Amino acid sequence: MRADEARPSGHDRPHAPYRTAAVFVTFEGLDGSGKTTQAELLADAFRSEGREVVATREPGGTPLGEELRRLVLEGHEMSSWTEAALFAAARAELASRVIAPALQAGKDVICDRYIDSSLAYQGLARGLGVDQVLELNLVATQGLLPDRTLLVLVDPEVALARSRSSDRIERESLDFHRAVDSAYRELAAMFPNRIVAVDGSRAAAEIAKEIRGRLRELS
């Protein structure tokens, strides 16, 4: 997806047929939503079809990215813009060193979190603004956006109960996580042709089956 097509306008570009080229798919949702499990299941499904897959995560996926992950999630308290900038820095490294080269080599990329995490957590829940955080990340990634984003939705209380994470962001209040959940739903409405919301309260296999069907609809 081109950078100039990333802004909320109600119009996303047509996508190439699913089977003809490498695809870039991201997974979003609250920690504890089951998004990581679904990313892993999709990667396994792609590989079973003989596709070459690069599976990665955010923040992280590169040596520098993992250092930034520890800093932003386990380090000191920081301002919202500092947080957004550190996530964007990790994303810039991942996009340039892992995602773009893989796509250029004809490999599918499946990423656990990407730009929409920053739009939800920092842009909306922390109040920095979607447009401002989007512009920061379009620069950081040189406009590299996913073909499809799977948003796994569960009740915030359920997600927190499921989550095994105790990082700085996950220690935020339930009200904050509710704000993030609301932010994700707002993003799905802003980008309806890219973001596909799925009900994460069901069995993992049932969710995975729906996701495979949704991705076959790429056209």
N, C-alpha and C. Protein backbone atom coordinates (compact mmCIF):
# COMPACT_ATOMS: atom_id res chain seq x y z
N MET A 1 0.85 -1.20 0.00
CA MET A 1 0.00 0.00 0.00
C MET A 1 0.88 1.24 0.00
N ARG A 2 0.55 2.22 -0.84
CA ARG A 2 1.34 3.44 -0.90
C ARG A 2 1.01 4.34 0.29
N ALA A 3 1.99 5.18 0.65
CA ALA A 3 1.82 6.06 1.80
C ALA A 3 0.66 7.02 1.61
N ASP A 4 0.46 7.51 0.39
CA ASP A 4 -0.60 8.49 0.18
C ASP A 4 -1.99 7.87 0.25
N GLU A 5 -2.04 6.54 0.33
CA GLU A 5 -3.31 5.86 0.46
C GLU A 5 -3.57 5.42 1.90
N ALA A 6 -2.68 5.83 2.82
CA ALA A 6 -2.78 5.38 4.20
C ALA A 6 -3.73 6.23 5.02
N ARG A 7 -3.95 7.46 4.57
CA ARG A 7 -4.72 8.38 5.40
C ARG A 7 -6.21 8.07 5.33
N PRO A 8 -6.92 8.30 6.44
CA PRO A 8 -8.34 7.97 6.46
C PRO A 8 -9.13 8.80 5.46
N SER A 9 -9.59 8.17 4.40
CA SER A 9 -10.34 8.90 3.38
C SER A 9 -11.59 8.14 2.95
N GLY A 10 -11.71 6.91 3.44
CA GLY A 10 -12.84 6.08 3.02
C GLY A 10 -12.56 5.32 1.74
N HIS A 11 -11.35 5.46 1.18
CA HIS A 11 -11.03 4.79 -0.07
C HIS A 11 -9.66 4.15 0.06
N ASP A 12 -9.60 2.80 0.03
CA ASP A 12 -8.34 2.08 0.00
C ASP A 12 -8.13 1.54 -1.40
N ARG A 13 -6.88 1.33 -1.78
CA ARG A 13 -6.59 0.85 -3.12
C ARG A 13 -7.11 -0.57 -3.32
N PRO A 14 -7.38 -0.96 -4.58
CA PRO A 14 -7.65 -2.36 -4.86
C PRO A 14 -6.39 -3.17 -4.55
N HIS A 15 -6.57 -4.40 -4.11
CA HIS A 15 -5.43 -5.25 -3.78
C HIS A 15 -5.21 -6.27 -4.88
N ALA A 16 -3.95 -6.68 -5.05
CA ALA A 16 -3.64 -7.73 -6.01
C ALA A 16 -4.25 -9.05 -5.55
N PRO A 17 -4.59 -9.95 -6.47
CA PRO A 17 -5.13 -11.25 -6.08
C PRO A 17 -4.21 -11.93 -5.07
N TYR A 18 -4.81 -12.59 -4.09
CA TYR A 18 -4.09 -13.15 -2.95
C TYR A 18 -2.96 -14.07 -3.33
N ARG A 19 -3.17 -14.95 -4.34
CA ARG A 19 -2.19 -15.99 -4.62
C ARG A 19 -1.09 -15.55 -5.58
N THR A 20 -1.14 -14.38 -6.16
CA THR A 20 -0.20 -14.05 -7.23
C THR A 20 1.08 -13.39 -6.75
N ALA A 21 1.15 -12.94 -5.53
CA ALA A 21 2.34 -12.22 -5.07
C ALA A 21 2.46 -12.37 -3.57
N ALA A 22 3.65 -12.01 -3.08
CA ALA A 22 3.86 -12.02 -1.63
C ALA A 22 2.90 -11.04 -0.97
N VAL A 23 2.44 -11.40 0.22
CA VAL A 23 1.52 -10.54 0.94
C VAL A 23 2.12 -10.16 2.29
N PHE A 24 1.74 -8.98 2.75
CA PHE A 24 2.18 -8.46 4.04
C PHE A 24 0.94 -8.36 4.92
N VAL A 25 0.89 -9.19 5.95
CA VAL A 25 -0.27 -9.27 6.83
C VAL A 25 0.17 -8.94 8.25
N THR A 26 -0.58 -8.08 8.92
CA THR A 26 -0.29 -7.75 10.31
C THR A 26 -1.46 -8.16 11.20
N PHE A 27 -1.14 -8.39 12.46
CA PHE A 27 -2.15 -8.72 13.47
C PHE A 27 -2.13 -7.67 14.56
N GLU A 28 -3.32 -7.25 14.96
CA GLU A 28 -3.46 -6.23 15.99
C GLU A 28 -4.47 -6.67 17.04
N GLY A 29 -4.41 -6.01 18.18
CA GLY A 29 -5.35 -6.27 19.26
C GLY A 29 -4.68 -6.06 20.60
N LEU A 30 -5.46 -6.11 21.64
CA LEU A 30 -4.92 -6.01 22.99
C LEU A 30 -4.05 -7.22 23.29
N ASP A 31 -3.06 -7.06 24.17
CA ASP A 31 -2.35 -8.23 24.67
C ASP A 31 -3.37 -9.11 25.38
N GLY A 32 -3.32 -10.41 25.08
CA GLY A 32 -4.31 -11.32 25.62
C GLY A 32 -5.49 -11.54 24.70
N SER A 33 -5.48 -10.90 23.54
CA SER A 33 -6.58 -11.05 22.58
C SER A 33 -6.49 -12.35 21.80
N GLY A 34 -5.30 -12.95 21.75
CA GLY A 34 -5.08 -14.13 20.94
C GLY A 34 -4.46 -13.84 19.60
N LYS A 35 -4.06 -12.59 19.37
CA LYS A 35 -3.49 -12.20 18.08
C LYS A 35 -2.19 -12.93 17.77
N THR A 36 -1.35 -13.14 18.79
CA THR A 36 -0.07 -13.81 18.56
C THR A 36 -0.29 -15.25 18.14
N THR A 37 -1.23 -15.93 18.79
CA THR A 37 -1.58 -17.29 18.40
C THR A 37 -2.06 -17.33 16.96
N GLN A 38 -2.90 -16.38 16.58
CA GLN A 38 -3.42 -16.35 15.22
C GLN A 38 -2.33 -16.05 14.20
N ALA A 39 -1.39 -15.20 14.55
CA ALA A 39 -0.26 -14.92 13.65
C ALA A 39 0.55 -16.19 13.41
N GLU A 40 0.77 -16.95 14.48
CA GLU A 40 1.53 -18.20 14.36
C GLU A 40 0.77 -19.23 13.53
N LEU A 41 -0.54 -19.33 13.73
CA LEU A 41 -1.35 -20.29 12.97
C LEU A 41 -1.38 -19.93 11.49
N LEU A 42 -1.44 -18.64 11.18
CA LEU A 42 -1.44 -18.23 9.78
C LEU A 42 -0.10 -18.53 9.13
N ALA A 43 0.98 -18.27 9.84
CA ALA A 43 2.31 -18.58 9.30
C ALA A 43 2.42 -20.08 9.01
N ASP A 44 1.95 -20.91 9.92
CA ASP A 44 1.98 -22.36 9.71
C ASP A 44 1.14 -22.75 8.50
N ALA A 45 -0.03 -22.12 8.35
CA ALA A 45 -0.91 -22.44 7.22
C ALA A 45 -0.27 -22.05 5.90
N PHE A 46 0.34 -20.89 5.85
CA PHE A 46 1.03 -20.46 4.63
C PHE A 46 2.15 -21.44 4.28
N ARG A 47 2.94 -21.82 5.29
CA ARG A 47 4.07 -22.73 5.03
C ARG A 47 3.57 -24.09 4.54
N SER A 48 2.42 -24.53 5.06
CA SER A 48 1.87 -25.82 4.63
C SER A 48 1.46 -25.78 3.16
N GLU A 49 1.25 -24.59 2.63
CA GLU A 49 0.91 -24.42 1.22
C GLU A 49 2.16 -24.25 0.36
N GLY A 50 3.32 -24.34 0.98
CA GLY A 50 4.57 -24.20 0.24
C GLY A 50 5.03 -22.77 0.06
N ARG A 51 4.42 -21.84 0.77
CA ARG A 51 4.82 -20.44 0.67
C ARG A 51 5.98 -20.17 1.61
N GLU A 52 6.88 -19.28 1.19
CA GLU A 52 7.97 -18.83 2.06
C GLU A 52 7.45 -17.71 2.94
N VAL A 53 7.66 -17.85 4.24
CA VAL A 53 7.08 -16.91 5.20
C VAL A 53 8.15 -16.37 6.13
N VAL A 54 8.10 -15.07 6.35
CA VAL A 54 8.89 -14.43 7.40
C VAL A 54 7.90 -13.96 8.46
N ALA A 55 8.01 -14.53 9.65
CA ALA A 55 7.15 -14.15 10.77
C ALA A 55 7.96 -13.32 11.75
N THR A 56 7.43 -12.18 12.14
CA THR A 56 8.17 -11.29 13.02
C THR A 56 7.21 -10.60 13.98
N ARG A 57 7.75 -9.74 14.84
CA ARG A 57 6.91 -9.08 15.83
C ARG A 57 7.39 -7.66 16.08
N GLU A 58 6.52 -6.90 16.71
CA GLU A 58 6.84 -5.53 17.12
C GLU A 58 6.47 -5.31 18.58
N PRO A 59 7.22 -4.43 19.24
CA PRO A 59 8.54 -3.98 18.81
C PRO A 59 9.52 -5.14 18.91
N GLY A 60 10.52 -5.14 18.07
CA GLY A 60 11.49 -6.22 18.05
C GLY A 60 11.77 -6.66 16.63
N GLY A 61 12.14 -7.93 16.48
CA GLY A 61 12.38 -8.49 15.17
C GLY A 61 13.77 -8.25 14.61
N THR A 62 14.53 -7.37 15.24
CA THR A 62 15.93 -7.12 14.89
C THR A 62 16.69 -6.94 16.20
N PRO A 63 18.02 -7.07 16.20
CA PRO A 63 18.77 -6.86 17.45
C PRO A 63 18.50 -5.49 18.07
N LEU A 64 18.53 -4.44 17.25
CA LEU A 64 18.24 -3.10 17.77
C LEU A 64 16.79 -3.01 18.23
N GLY A 65 15.90 -3.59 17.46
CA GLY A 65 14.49 -3.56 17.82
C GLY A 65 14.22 -4.23 19.16
N GLU A 66 14.92 -5.32 19.44
CA GLU A 66 14.73 -6.00 20.73
C GLU A 66 15.26 -5.14 21.88
N GLU A 67 16.35 -4.41 21.64
CA GLU A 67 16.86 -3.50 22.67
C GLU A 67 15.85 -2.38 22.93
N LEU A 68 15.29 -1.84 21.86
CA LEU A 68 14.28 -0.79 22.01
C LEU A 68 13.03 -1.33 22.69
N ARG A 69 12.69 -2.59 22.42
CA ARG A 69 11.54 -3.22 23.08
C ARG A 69 11.74 -3.23 24.59
N ARG A 70 12.91 -3.65 25.01
CA ARG A 70 13.19 -3.69 26.45
C ARG A 70 13.14 -2.29 27.05
N LEU A 71 13.67 -1.32 26.32
CA LEU A 71 13.70 0.05 26.82
C LEU A 71 12.29 0.61 26.99
N VAL A 72 11.45 0.43 25.98
CA VAL A 72 10.13 1.06 26.02
C VAL A 72 9.14 0.30 26.89
N LEU A 73 9.29 -1.02 27.00
CA LEU A 73 8.33 -1.81 27.77
C LEU A 73 8.77 -2.08 29.20
N GLU A 74 10.08 -2.08 29.43
CA GLU A 74 10.58 -2.43 30.76
C GLU A 74 11.35 -1.30 31.42
N GLY A 75 11.54 -0.20 30.70
CA GLY A 75 12.35 0.89 31.22
C GLY A 75 11.55 1.86 32.06
N HIS A 76 12.08 3.07 32.14
CA HIS A 76 11.48 4.11 32.99
C HIS A 76 10.20 4.66 32.35
N GLU A 77 9.42 5.36 33.17
CA GLU A 77 8.28 6.08 32.64
C GLU A 77 8.78 7.14 31.64
N MET A 78 7.96 7.44 30.65
CA MET A 78 8.38 8.37 29.60
C MET A 78 7.16 9.11 29.09
N SER A 79 7.41 10.20 28.38
CA SER A 79 6.30 10.96 27.80
C SER A 79 5.67 10.17 26.66
N SER A 80 4.47 10.53 26.31
CA SER A 80 3.77 9.83 25.24
C SER A 80 4.49 9.96 23.90
N TRP A 81 5.06 11.14 23.62
CA TRP A 81 5.78 11.31 22.36
C TRP A 81 7.09 10.55 22.36
N THR A 82 7.76 10.45 23.51
CA THR A 82 8.96 9.63 23.59
C THR A 82 8.61 8.18 23.28
N GLU A 83 7.54 7.71 23.87
CA GLU A 83 7.06 6.35 23.63
C GLU A 83 6.78 6.13 22.15
N ALA A 84 6.06 7.06 21.54
CA ALA A 84 5.73 6.94 20.12
C ALA A 84 6.98 6.94 19.25
N ALA A 85 7.95 7.78 19.60
CA ALA A 85 9.18 7.88 18.81
C ALA A 85 10.01 6.60 18.91
N LEU A 86 10.06 6.01 20.10
CA LEU A 86 10.82 4.77 20.27
C LEU A 86 10.18 3.62 19.50
N PHE A 87 8.86 3.53 19.55
CA PHE A 87 8.18 2.50 18.76
C PHE A 87 8.44 2.72 17.27
N ALA A 88 8.41 3.97 16.82
CA ALA A 88 8.66 4.27 15.41
C ALA A 88 10.09 3.92 15.01
N ALA A 89 11.04 4.15 15.92
CA ALA A 89 12.44 3.81 15.63
C ALA A 89 12.60 2.30 15.45
N ALA A 90 11.99 1.52 16.34
CA ALA A 90 12.05 0.07 16.21
C ALA A 90 11.39 -0.39 14.92
N ARG A 91 10.30 0.27 14.57
CA ARG A 91 9.55 -0.07 13.34
C ARG A 91 10.37 0.27 12.09
N ALA A 92 11.07 1.38 12.12
CA ALA A 92 11.91 1.76 10.99
C ALA A 92 12.97 0.70 10.72
N GLU A 93 13.58 0.20 11.78
CA GLU A 93 14.61 -0.83 11.65
C GLU A 93 14.02 -2.12 11.10
N LEU A 94 12.87 -2.51 11.62
CA LEU A 94 12.24 -3.75 11.16
C LEU A 94 11.80 -3.65 9.70
N ALA A 95 11.21 -2.52 9.33
CA ALA A 95 10.74 -2.35 7.96
C ALA A 95 11.88 -2.40 6.96
N SER A 96 12.99 -1.72 7.29
CA SER A 96 14.09 -1.63 6.33
C SER A 96 14.95 -2.88 6.28
N ARG A 97 15.09 -3.56 7.40
CA ARG A 97 16.01 -4.70 7.46
C ARG A 97 15.33 -6.06 7.30
N VAL A 98 14.05 -6.13 7.59
CA VAL A 98 13.38 -7.43 7.56
C VAL A 98 12.20 -7.44 6.58
N ILE A 99 11.24 -6.54 6.78
CA ILE A 99 9.99 -6.64 6.02
C ILE A 99 10.18 -6.33 4.54
N ALA A 100 10.77 -5.19 4.23
CA ALA A 100 10.94 -4.82 2.81
C ALA A 100 11.79 -5.83 2.05
N PRO A 101 12.95 -6.26 2.59
CA PRO A 101 13.75 -7.26 1.86
C PRO A 101 12.99 -8.57 1.64
N ALA A 102 12.21 -9.00 2.62
CA ALA A 102 11.46 -10.25 2.47
C ALA A 102 10.43 -10.13 1.35
N LEU A 103 9.69 -9.03 1.33
CA LEU A 103 8.68 -8.84 0.28
C LEU A 103 9.33 -8.75 -1.09
N GLN A 104 10.47 -8.07 -1.16
CA GLN A 104 11.17 -7.95 -2.44
C GLN A 104 11.67 -9.31 -2.93
N ALA A 105 11.92 -10.22 -1.99
CA ALA A 105 12.37 -11.56 -2.35
C ALA A 105 11.21 -12.51 -2.61
N GLY A 106 9.99 -11.99 -2.58
CA GLY A 106 8.82 -12.81 -2.86
C GLY A 106 8.32 -13.62 -1.69
N LYS A 107 8.72 -13.26 -0.48
CA LYS A 107 8.29 -13.98 0.72
C LYS A 107 7.12 -13.25 1.38
N ASP A 108 6.18 -14.02 1.90
CA ASP A 108 5.10 -13.43 2.68
C ASP A 108 5.64 -12.96 4.02
N VAL A 109 5.08 -11.89 4.54
CA VAL A 109 5.47 -11.38 5.86
C VAL A 109 4.24 -11.33 6.75
N ILE A 110 4.37 -11.92 7.93
CA ILE A 110 3.32 -11.87 8.95
C ILE A 110 3.92 -11.22 10.18
N CYS A 111 3.34 -10.10 10.59
CA CYS A 111 3.91 -9.32 11.69
C CYS A 111 2.90 -9.16 12.82
N ASP A 112 3.33 -9.51 14.02
CA ASP A 112 2.53 -9.35 15.23
C ASP A 112 2.72 -7.92 15.73
N ARG A 113 1.77 -7.07 15.42
CA ARG A 113 1.74 -5.62 15.64
C ARG A 113 2.51 -4.88 14.55
N TYR A 114 2.02 -3.66 14.26
CA TYR A 114 2.71 -2.78 13.31
C TYR A 114 2.17 -1.37 13.56
N ILE A 115 2.06 -0.57 12.54
CA ILE A 115 1.72 0.85 12.70
C ILE A 115 0.42 1.07 13.46
N ASP A 116 -0.56 0.20 13.24
CA ASP A 116 -1.86 0.42 13.91
C ASP A 116 -1.76 0.36 15.42
N SER A 117 -0.76 -0.34 15.95
CA SER A 117 -0.56 -0.32 17.41
C SER A 117 -0.26 1.08 17.88
N SER A 118 0.59 1.79 17.16
CA SER A 118 0.92 3.16 17.55
C SER A 118 -0.28 4.09 17.36
N LEU A 119 -1.05 3.87 16.29
CA LEU A 119 -2.23 4.70 16.09
C LEU A 119 -3.24 4.50 17.22
N ALA A 120 -3.39 3.26 17.68
CA ALA A 120 -4.35 2.98 18.74
C ALA A 120 -3.85 3.43 20.10
N TYR A 121 -2.64 3.00 20.46
CA TYR A 121 -2.13 3.27 21.81
C TYR A 121 -1.70 4.72 22.00
N GLN A 122 -0.87 5.22 21.08
CA GLN A 122 -0.38 6.59 21.24
C GLN A 122 -1.28 7.62 20.56
N GLY A 123 -1.70 7.32 19.32
CA GLY A 123 -2.50 8.30 18.59
C GLY A 123 -3.84 8.60 19.21
N LEU A 124 -4.56 7.55 19.62
CA LEU A 124 -5.90 7.73 20.17
C LEU A 124 -5.95 7.61 21.69
N ALA A 125 -5.50 6.48 22.24
CA ALA A 125 -5.63 6.29 23.69
C ALA A 125 -4.81 7.30 24.49
N ARG A 126 -3.64 7.68 23.98
CA ARG A 126 -2.82 8.68 24.68
C ARG A 126 -3.06 10.09 24.15
N GLY A 127 -3.86 10.21 23.12
CA GLY A 127 -4.31 11.53 22.67
C GLY A 127 -3.35 12.32 21.81
N LEU A 128 -2.37 11.65 21.19
CA LEU A 128 -1.42 12.38 20.35
C LEU A 128 -2.00 12.74 18.99
N GLY A 129 -3.01 12.03 18.57
CA GLY A 129 -3.64 12.30 17.27
C GLY A 129 -3.25 11.27 16.23
N VAL A 130 -4.24 10.71 15.55
CA VAL A 130 -3.98 9.69 14.53
C VAL A 130 -3.12 10.25 13.40
N ASP A 131 -3.47 11.43 12.89
CA ASP A 131 -2.73 11.98 11.75
C ASP A 131 -1.27 12.21 12.08
N GLN A 132 -1.00 12.74 13.27
CA GLN A 132 0.37 13.04 13.66
C GLN A 132 1.20 11.76 13.82
N VAL A 133 0.63 10.77 14.48
CA VAL A 133 1.36 9.51 14.68
C VAL A 133 1.50 8.75 13.37
N LEU A 134 0.50 8.83 12.51
CA LEU A 134 0.59 8.20 11.20
C LEU A 134 1.70 8.82 10.38
N GLU A 135 1.79 10.14 10.36
CA GLU A 135 2.85 10.80 9.59
C GLU A 135 4.23 10.38 10.09
N LEU A 136 4.40 10.33 11.41
CA LEU A 136 5.68 9.89 11.98
C LEU A 136 6.05 8.51 11.47
N ASN A 137 5.09 7.61 11.45
CA ASN A 137 5.37 6.23 11.07
C ASN A 137 5.48 6.02 9.58
N LEU A 138 4.81 6.85 8.78
CA LEU A 138 5.00 6.77 7.34
C LEU A 138 6.42 7.16 6.97
N VAL A 139 6.96 8.15 7.66
CA VAL A 139 8.35 8.52 7.43
C VAL A 139 9.27 7.39 7.88
N ALA A 140 9.01 6.85 9.07
CA ALA A 140 9.88 5.81 9.64
C ALA A 140 9.93 4.56 8.77
N THR A 141 8.81 4.20 8.16
CA THR A 141 8.74 2.97 7.38
C THR A 141 8.86 3.20 5.88
N GLN A 142 9.08 4.45 5.48
CA GLN A 142 9.11 4.82 4.07
C GLN A 142 7.81 4.41 3.37
N GLY A 143 6.71 4.54 4.11
CA GLY A 143 5.40 4.29 3.53
C GLY A 143 5.01 2.84 3.36
N LEU A 144 5.75 1.93 4.01
CA LEU A 144 5.46 0.51 3.86
C LEU A 144 4.31 0.10 4.78
N LEU A 145 3.17 -0.24 4.19
CA LEU A 145 1.98 -0.60 4.94
C LEU A 145 1.50 -2.00 4.54
N PRO A 146 0.77 -2.66 5.42
CA PRO A 146 0.31 -4.03 5.12
C PRO A 146 -0.81 -4.07 4.09
N ASP A 147 -0.92 -5.23 3.43
CA ASP A 147 -2.04 -5.47 2.54
C ASP A 147 -3.33 -5.71 3.33
N ARG A 148 -3.21 -6.43 4.44
CA ARG A 148 -4.34 -6.68 5.32
C ARG A 148 -3.87 -6.64 6.76
N THR A 149 -4.75 -6.14 7.62
CA THR A 149 -4.52 -6.14 9.06
C THR A 149 -5.68 -6.88 9.71
N LEU A 150 -5.36 -7.93 10.45
CA LEU A 150 -6.37 -8.69 11.18
C LEU A 150 -6.43 -8.17 12.60
N LEU A 151 -7.57 -7.63 12.97
CA LEU A 151 -7.79 -7.07 14.31
C LEU A 151 -8.59 -8.07 15.13
N VAL A 152 -7.95 -8.65 16.14
CA VAL A 152 -8.60 -9.66 16.98
C VAL A 152 -9.20 -8.95 18.20
N LEU A 153 -10.51 -8.96 18.28
CA LEU A 153 -11.22 -8.20 19.30
C LEU A 153 -11.73 -9.10 20.42
N VAL A 154 -11.42 -8.72 21.66
CA VAL A 154 -12.00 -9.37 22.84
C VAL A 154 -12.28 -8.27 23.86
N ASP A 155 -13.12 -8.58 24.82
CA ASP A 155 -13.40 -7.63 25.89
C ASP A 155 -12.11 -7.31 26.64
N PRO A 156 -11.83 -6.03 26.92
CA PRO A 156 -10.58 -5.67 27.61
C PRO A 156 -10.36 -6.41 28.93
N GLU A 157 -11.41 -6.64 29.70
CA GLU A 157 -11.25 -7.37 30.95
C GLU A 157 -10.81 -8.80 30.70
N VAL A 158 -11.36 -9.42 29.67
CA VAL A 158 -10.97 -10.78 29.31
C VAL A 158 -9.51 -10.80 28.85
N ALA A 159 -9.13 -9.82 28.03
CA ALA A 159 -7.76 -9.75 27.53
C ALA A 159 -6.76 -9.61 28.67
N LEU A 160 -7.05 -8.74 29.62
CA LEU A 160 -6.15 -8.55 30.75
C LEU A 160 -6.04 -9.81 31.59
N ALA A 161 -7.14 -10.52 31.76
CA ALA A 161 -7.12 -11.76 32.54
C ALA A 161 -6.30 -12.83 31.83
N ARG A 162 -6.34 -12.83 30.50
CA ARG A 162 -5.58 -13.82 29.72
C ARG A 162 -4.10 -13.48 29.64
N SER A 163 -3.78 -12.20 29.61
CA SER A 163 -2.43 -11.75 29.29
C SER A 163 -1.42 -12.21 30.33
N ARG A 164 -0.28 -12.67 29.82
CA ARG A 164 0.82 -13.08 30.69
C ARG A 164 1.86 -11.97 30.80
N SER A 165 1.60 -10.87 30.14
CA SER A 165 2.55 -9.76 30.12
C SER A 165 2.36 -8.88 31.35
N SER A 166 3.47 -8.37 31.85
CA SER A 166 3.41 -7.42 32.97
C SER A 166 4.29 -6.21 32.66
N ASP A 167 4.37 -5.85 31.37
CA ASP A 167 5.23 -4.74 30.99
C ASP A 167 4.59 -3.41 31.37
N ARG A 168 5.31 -2.34 31.12
CA ARG A 168 4.88 -1.01 31.55
C ARG A 168 3.51 -0.63 31.00
N ILE A 169 3.26 -0.93 29.75
CA ILE A 169 1.99 -0.56 29.14
C ILE A 169 0.86 -1.46 29.64
N GLU A 170 1.14 -2.74 29.81
CA GLU A 170 0.09 -3.64 30.30
C GLU A 170 -0.29 -3.36 31.74
N ARG A 171 0.55 -2.64 32.47
CA ARG A 171 0.21 -2.28 33.85
C ARG A 171 -0.68 -1.04 33.92
N GLU A 172 -1.02 -0.48 32.78
CA GLU A 172 -1.94 0.66 32.75
C GLU A 172 -3.32 0.23 33.27
N SER A 173 -4.15 1.19 33.60
CA SER A 173 -5.47 0.92 34.17
C SER A 173 -6.39 0.24 33.16
N LEU A 174 -7.44 -0.38 33.69
CA LEU A 174 -8.45 -0.99 32.83
C LEU A 174 -9.08 0.07 31.92
N ASP A 175 -9.26 1.27 32.43
CA ASP A 175 -9.83 2.35 31.61
C ASP A 175 -8.95 2.62 30.40
N PHE A 176 -7.64 2.58 30.58
CA PHE A 176 -6.73 2.80 29.45
C PHE A 176 -6.91 1.69 28.41
N HIS A 177 -6.99 0.46 28.86
CA HIS A 177 -7.15 -0.65 27.92
C HIS A 177 -8.50 -0.60 27.22
N ARG A 178 -9.50 -0.11 27.91
CA ARG A 178 -10.79 0.11 27.25
C ARG A 178 -10.66 1.19 26.17
N ALA A 179 -9.86 2.21 26.46
CA ALA A 179 -9.64 3.27 25.47
C ALA A 179 -8.91 2.72 24.25
N VAL A 180 -7.96 1.81 24.47
CA VAL A 180 -7.25 1.20 23.35
C VAL A 180 -8.20 0.34 22.52
N ASP A 181 -9.04 -0.43 23.19
CA ASP A 181 -10.03 -1.25 22.49
C ASP A 181 -10.94 -0.37 21.62
N SER A 182 -11.41 0.73 22.19
CA SER A 182 -12.24 1.67 21.44
C SER A 182 -11.47 2.26 20.27
N ALA A 183 -10.18 2.54 20.49
CA ALA A 183 -9.34 3.10 19.43
C ALA A 183 -9.20 2.13 18.27
N TYR A 184 -8.98 0.86 18.56
CA TYR A 184 -8.87 -0.13 17.50
C TYR A 184 -10.17 -0.20 16.68
N ARG A 185 -11.29 -0.15 17.35
CA ARG A 185 -12.57 -0.21 16.64
C ARG A 185 -12.74 1.03 15.75
N GLU A 186 -12.26 2.16 16.23
CA GLU A 186 -12.32 3.38 15.43
C GLU A 186 -11.43 3.27 14.20
N LEU A 187 -10.24 2.68 14.37
CA LEU A 187 -9.34 2.50 13.24
C LEU A 187 -9.94 1.56 12.20
N ALA A 188 -10.63 0.52 12.65
CA ALA A 188 -11.27 -0.40 11.72
C ALA A 188 -12.31 0.33 10.86
N ALA A 189 -12.98 1.30 11.46
CA ALA A 189 -13.95 2.10 10.71
C ALA A 189 -13.26 3.07 9.76
N MET A 190 -12.08 3.57 10.14
CA MET A 190 -11.33 4.49 9.29
C MET A 190 -10.76 3.79 8.06
N PHE A 191 -10.32 2.55 8.23
CA PHE A 191 -9.63 1.82 7.16
C PHE A 191 -10.36 0.50 6.88
N PRO A 192 -11.60 0.55 6.44
CA PRO A 192 -12.41 -0.68 6.33
C PRO A 192 -11.93 -1.66 5.27
N ASN A 193 -11.20 -1.21 4.28
CA ASN A 193 -10.73 -2.11 3.23
C ASN A 193 -9.40 -2.77 3.57
N ARG A 194 -8.75 -2.30 4.64
CA ARG A 194 -7.48 -2.91 5.06
C ARG A 194 -7.62 -3.67 6.37
N ILE A 195 -8.34 -3.10 7.33
CA ILE A 195 -8.44 -3.71 8.65
C ILE A 195 -9.68 -4.60 8.71
N VAL A 196 -9.47 -5.86 9.04
CA VAL A 196 -10.54 -6.84 9.16
C VAL A 196 -10.67 -7.23 10.62
N ALA A 197 -11.79 -6.93 11.24
CA ALA A 197 -12.01 -7.26 12.65
C ALA A 197 -12.62 -8.65 12.76
N VAL A 198 -12.08 -9.44 13.70
CA VAL A 198 -12.61 -10.78 13.95
C VAL A 198 -12.89 -10.93 15.45
N ASP A 199 -13.86 -11.74 15.77
CA ASP A 199 -14.26 -11.99 17.15
C ASP A 199 -13.27 -12.95 17.79
N GLY A 200 -12.49 -12.46 18.75
CA GLY A 200 -11.47 -13.27 19.39
C GLY A 200 -11.94 -14.10 20.56
N SER A 201 -13.24 -14.10 20.83
CA SER A 201 -13.76 -14.85 21.98
C SER A 201 -14.00 -16.32 21.65
N ARG A 202 -13.86 -16.70 20.38
CA ARG A 202 -14.13 -18.07 19.95
C ARG A 202 -12.89 -18.95 20.05
N ALA A 203 -13.05 -20.23 19.74
CA ALA A 203 -11.92 -21.16 19.73
C ALA A 203 -10.90 -20.71 18.68
N ALA A 204 -9.62 -20.94 18.99
CA ALA A 204 -8.55 -20.49 18.10
C ALA A 204 -8.69 -21.05 16.69
N ALA A 205 -9.07 -22.33 16.58
CA ALA A 205 -9.20 -22.95 15.26
C ALA A 205 -10.31 -22.30 14.45
N GLU A 206 -11.39 -21.93 15.10
CA GLU A 206 -12.51 -21.28 14.40
C GLU A 206 -12.10 -19.90 13.90
N ILE A 207 -11.36 -19.16 14.73
CA ILE A 207 -10.88 -17.84 14.31
C ILE A 207 -9.93 -17.98 13.14
N ALA A 208 -9.01 -18.95 13.23
CA ALA A 208 -8.03 -19.15 12.16
C ALA A 208 -8.71 -19.48 10.84
N LYS A 209 -9.76 -20.28 10.89
CA LYS A 209 -10.49 -20.63 9.66
C LYS A 209 -11.11 -19.39 9.03
N GLU A 210 -11.69 -18.52 9.86
CA GLU A 210 -12.27 -17.29 9.33
C GLU A 210 -11.20 -16.41 8.70
N ILE A 211 -10.06 -16.30 9.37
CA ILE A 211 -8.97 -15.47 8.85
C ILE A 211 -8.49 -15.96 7.50
N ARG A 212 -8.33 -17.28 7.35
CA ARG A 212 -7.90 -17.82 6.05
C ARG A 212 -8.92 -17.47 4.97
N GLY A 213 -10.19 -17.57 5.31
CA GLY A 213 -11.21 -17.21 4.33
C GLY A 213 -11.17 -15.74 3.97
N ARG A 214 -10.97 -14.90 4.95
CA ARG A 214 -10.90 -13.45 4.69
C ARG A 214 -9.71 -13.11 3.80
N LEU A 215 -8.59 -13.78 4.00
CA LEU A 215 -7.40 -13.48 3.20
C LEU A 215 -7.56 -13.99 1.77
N ARG A 216 -8.31 -15.04 1.58
CA ARG A 216 -8.56 -15.52 0.21
C ARG A 216 -9.42 -14.55 -0.58
N GLU A 217 -10.08 -13.65 0.14
CA GLU A 217 -10.93 -12.66 -0.52
C GLU A 217 -10.11 -11.48 -1.06
N LEU A 218 -8.82 -11.44 -0.80
CA LEU A 218 -7.99 -10.35 -1.31
C LEU A 218 -8.15 -10.25 -2.81
N SER A 219 -8.54 -9.09 -3.28
CA SER A 219 -8.74 -8.92 -4.73
C SER A 219 -8.72 -7.45 -5.07
